[in-house]
Amino acid sequence: MPRFIIPPDPESAAKKAILVPGGIWEDLDSYDKNLKSKFIRTFKWLSRDRQHPSLRPELIKRGGRAFYRVRVDPQYRIHFELRSDYYLIPAIGPHRIEGIG
């Protein structure tokens, strides 16, 4: 059961792009092949169906800023912000990323 439901997309059939800054790809390259494939699979689920049960979304509020965290596996998460027509990925990594929560 998700801890938080990401607001439904009025255009649920439309797929949203995922904006991934260069530093995130460098972080991804530091992980082993199996974990990389889990991150890629999670990116796909997020862009296609943000209500996918495996994502287990959570709302995180820090310093007046709100963003979401979805599950990659029991130890790793993808943090993202909802924008009008895309998702912005500010961080990926262990469950509790320093400074993010």
Protein backbone atom coordinates (compact mmCIF):
# COMPACT_ATOMS: atom_id res chain seq x y z
CA MET A 1 0.00 0.00 0.00
CA PRO A 2 1.53 3.36 -1.00
CA ARG A 3 2.23 5.84 1.74
CA PHE A 4 1.07 8.63 -0.55
CA ILE A 5 -0.79 8.70 -3.83
CA ILE A 6 0.70 10.91 -6.51
CA PRO A 7 -2.07 13.16 -7.84
CA PRO A 8 -3.77 11.61 -10.86
CA ASP A 9 -2.72 12.89 -14.24
CA PRO A 10 -5.68 14.38 -16.14
CA GLU A 11 -4.06 13.12 -19.33
CA SER A 12 -3.19 9.69 -17.96
CA ALA A 13 -2.81 8.20 -21.41
CA ALA A 14 -0.04 10.70 -22.26
CA LYS A 15 3.46 9.69 -21.28
CA LYS A 16 5.56 12.29 -19.50
CA ALA A 17 9.19 12.88 -20.28
CA ILE A 18 11.76 12.45 -17.53
CA LEU A 19 14.44 15.15 -17.29
CA VAL A 20 17.57 13.56 -15.85
CA PRO A 21 20.51 15.95 -15.21
CA GLY A 22 23.99 14.75 -16.22
CA GLY A 23 25.12 14.12 -12.64
CA ILE A 24 22.35 11.58 -12.17
CA TRP A 25 23.66 9.50 -15.09
CA GLU A 26 27.11 9.55 -13.48
CA ASP A 27 25.56 8.31 -10.22
CA LEU A 28 23.75 5.59 -12.15
CA ASP A 29 27.00 4.48 -13.82
CA SER A 30 28.54 3.92 -10.38
CA TYR A 31 26.03 1.14 -9.60
CA ASP A 32 26.29 -2.50 -10.68
CA LYS A 33 24.46 -3.72 -13.79
CA ASN A 34 21.54 -5.28 -11.87
CA LEU A 35 20.84 -2.10 -9.91
CA LYS A 36 21.12 0.04 -13.06
CA SER A 37 18.46 -2.10 -14.74
CA LYS A 38 16.18 -1.61 -11.71
CA PHE A 39 16.59 2.17 -11.98
CA ILE A 40 15.83 2.11 -15.73
CA ARG A 41 12.75 -0.07 -15.13
CA THR A 42 11.55 2.38 -12.45
CA PHE A 43 12.08 5.33 -14.83
CA LYS A 44 9.88 3.52 -17.37
CA TRP A 45 7.12 2.82 -14.85
CA LEU A 46 7.22 6.41 -13.66
CA SER A 47 6.88 7.81 -17.18
CA ARG A 48 4.08 5.40 -18.14
CA ASP A 49 2.06 4.90 -14.96
CA ARG A 50 2.93 6.89 -11.88
CA GLN A 51 0.36 4.89 -9.90
CA HIS A 52 2.21 1.60 -10.54
CA PRO A 53 2.08 -0.39 -7.27
CA SER A 54 5.81 -1.15 -7.31
CA LEU A 55 6.70 2.54 -7.10
CA ARG A 56 5.32 3.04 -3.58
CA PRO A 57 5.36 6.84 -3.84
CA GLU A 58 5.99 9.13 -0.89
CA LEU A 59 5.60 12.89 -0.62
CA ILE A 60 8.69 14.58 0.89
CA LYS A 61 8.62 18.16 2.15
CA ARG A 62 11.94 19.86 2.94
CA GLY A 63 12.63 23.57 3.33
CA GLY A 64 9.41 24.73 1.72
CA ARG A 65 9.97 22.42 -1.24
CA ALA A 66 7.87 19.35 -2.02
CA PHE A 67 8.91 16.40 -4.13
CA TYR A 68 8.25 12.69 -4.40
CA ARG A 69 10.27 9.59 -3.76
CA VAL A 70 9.58 6.26 -5.46
CA ARG A 71 11.01 2.86 -4.73
CA VAL A 72 13.61 1.18 -6.93
CA ASP A 73 14.17 -1.66 -4.46
CA PRO A 74 14.17 -1.90 -0.64
CA GLN A 75 17.38 0.14 -0.39
CA TYR A 76 17.25 2.61 -3.31
CA ARG A 77 14.92 5.42 -4.37
CA ILE A 78 14.39 7.95 -7.14
CA HIS A 79 13.48 11.47 -6.01
CA PHE A 80 11.53 13.58 -8.49
CA GLU A 81 9.49 16.74 -8.89
CA LEU A 82 6.26 16.93 -10.87
CA ARG A 83 6.34 19.61 -13.55
CA SER A 84 3.56 20.46 -15.96
CA ASP A 85 4.74 18.19 -18.79
CA TYR A 86 7.74 16.31 -17.38
CA TYR A 87 9.37 14.89 -14.26
CA LEU A 88 12.62 16.39 -12.95
CA ILE A 89 14.93 13.91 -11.20
CA PRO A 90 17.09 15.81 -8.66
CA ALA A 91 18.54 12.70 -6.99
CA ILE A 92 18.78 8.92 -7.03
CA GLY A 93 20.40 6.72 -4.46
CA PRO A 94 20.03 5.02 -1.10
CA HIS A 95 16.74 5.20 0.74
CA ARG A 96 17.90 8.21 2.77
CA ILE A 97 19.94 10.57 0.64
CA GLU A 98 21.96 13.12 2.61
CA GLY A 99 20.05 16.40 2.73
CA ILE A 100 16.93 15.04 1.06
CA GLY A 101 15.38 12.64 3.54
